[in-house]
Amino acid sequence: MTDPLPYSWLVLRNPALDEESGRGLLLLEAIALRWGVEQNAHGKTVWCEPPVPGP
């Protein structure tokens, strides 16, 4: 996912049960093997490596 704001950094939050946002990175952290952020002058991109099911 790409965001055009390169200088607003990502923060893992602990949203309240009634909040409607703030869980994206928590979900990513829970299911991805690894993930990261790449920044450049045009924005930032969050990438991840999902688990691959075996045969």
C-alpha atoms as a PDB file:
ATOM      1  CA  MET A   1       0.000   0.000   0.000  1.00  0.00           C
ATOM      2  CA  THR A   2       1.371   3.418  -0.907  1.00  0.00           C
ATOM      3  CA  ASP A   3       0.767   6.693   0.903  1.00  0.00           C
ATOM      4  CA  PRO A   4       1.739  10.053  -0.658  1.00  0.00           C
ATOM      5  CA  LEU A   5       2.862  11.489   2.718  1.00  0.00           C
ATOM      6  CA  PRO A   6       6.504  10.406   3.084  1.00  0.00           C
ATOM      7  CA  TYR A   7       7.095  12.087   6.440  1.00  0.00           C
ATOM      8  CA  SER A   8       4.158  10.819   8.476  1.00  0.00           C
ATOM      9  CA  TRP A   9       5.540   7.698  10.130  1.00  0.00           C
ATOM     10  CA  LEU A  10       3.563   4.556  10.921  1.00  0.00           C
ATOM     11  CA  VAL A  11       2.755   3.738  14.524  1.00  0.00           C
ATOM     12  CA  LEU A  12       1.359   0.482  15.897  1.00  0.00           C
ATOM     13  CA  ARG A  13      -1.692   1.522  17.905  1.00  0.00           C
ATOM     14  CA  ASN A  14      -3.908  -0.158  20.456  1.00  0.00           C
ATOM     15  CA  PRO A  15      -7.327   1.214  19.480  1.00  0.00           C
ATOM     16  CA  ALA A  16     -10.301   0.986  21.801  1.00  0.00           C
ATOM     17  CA  LEU A  17     -12.921  -1.643  20.969  1.00  0.00           C
ATOM     18  CA  ASP A  18     -15.329   1.010  19.663  1.00  0.00           C
ATOM     19  CA  GLU A  19     -12.807   2.774  17.381  1.00  0.00           C
ATOM     20  CA  GLU A  20     -13.357   2.280  13.658  1.00  0.00           C
ATOM     21  CA  SER A  21      -9.723   2.565  12.564  1.00  0.00           C
ATOM     22  CA  GLY A  22      -6.177   1.898  13.733  1.00  0.00           C
ATOM     23  CA  ARG A  23      -5.955  -1.870  13.294  1.00  0.00           C
ATOM     24  CA  GLY A  24      -4.246  -2.208   9.917  1.00  0.00           C
ATOM     25  CA  LEU A  25      -0.686  -2.569  11.181  1.00  0.00           C
ATOM     26  CA  LEU A  26      -1.822  -4.842  14.013  1.00  0.00           C
ATOM     27  CA  LEU A  27      -3.421  -7.177  11.464  1.00  0.00           C
ATOM     28  CA  LEU A  28      -0.336  -7.021   9.271  1.00  0.00           C
ATOM     29  CA  GLU A  29       1.906  -7.810  12.250  1.00  0.00           C
ATOM     30  CA  ALA A  30      -0.317 -10.768  13.177  1.00  0.00           C
ATOM     31  CA  ILE A  31      -0.393 -12.496   9.777  1.00  0.00           C
ATOM     32  CA  ALA A  32       2.735 -11.486   7.834  1.00  0.00           C
ATOM     33  CA  LEU A  33       6.016 -13.360   8.032  1.00  0.00           C
ATOM     34  CA  ARG A  34       7.698  -9.974   7.818  1.00  0.00           C
ATOM     35  CA  TRP A  35       6.819  -6.465   6.733  1.00  0.00           C
ATOM     36  CA  GLY A  36       8.420  -3.073   6.349  1.00  0.00           C
ATOM     37  CA  VAL A  37       8.226   0.435   4.976  1.00  0.00           C
ATOM     38  CA  GLU A  38      10.090   1.981   2.059  1.00  0.00           C
ATOM     39  CA  GLN A  39      10.254   5.775   1.879  1.00  0.00           C
ATOM     40  CA  ASN A  40      11.144   8.049  -1.008  1.00  0.00           C
ATOM     41  CA  ALA A  41      10.427  11.620  -2.120  1.00  0.00           C
ATOM     42  CA  HIS A  42       7.010  10.589  -3.490  1.00  0.00           C
ATOM     43  CA  GLY A  43       5.661   8.870  -0.376  1.00  0.00           C
ATOM     44  CA  LYS A  44       6.000   5.615   1.486  1.00  0.00           C
ATOM     45  CA  THR A  45       5.036   2.045   0.663  1.00  0.00           C
ATOM     46  CA  VAL A  46       4.214  -0.642   3.205  1.00  0.00           C
ATOM     47  CA  TRP A  47       5.098  -4.144   2.014  1.00  0.00           C
ATOM     48  CA  CYS A  48       4.654  -7.593   3.519  1.00  0.00           C
ATOM     49  CA  GLU A  49       5.441 -11.245   2.947  1.00  0.00           C
ATOM     50  CA  PRO A  50       2.367 -13.357   3.641  1.00  0.00           C
ATOM     51  CA  PRO A  51       2.741 -16.979   4.703  1.00  0.00           C
ATOM     52  CA  VAL A  52       2.528 -19.466   1.838  1.00  0.00           C
ATOM     53  CA  PRO A  53       0.558 -22.647   2.556  1.00  0.00           C
ATOM     54  CA  GLY A  54       2.466 -25.866   2.056  1.00  0.00           C
ATOM     55  CA  PRO A  55       1.503 -28.593  -0.436  1.00  0.00           C
END
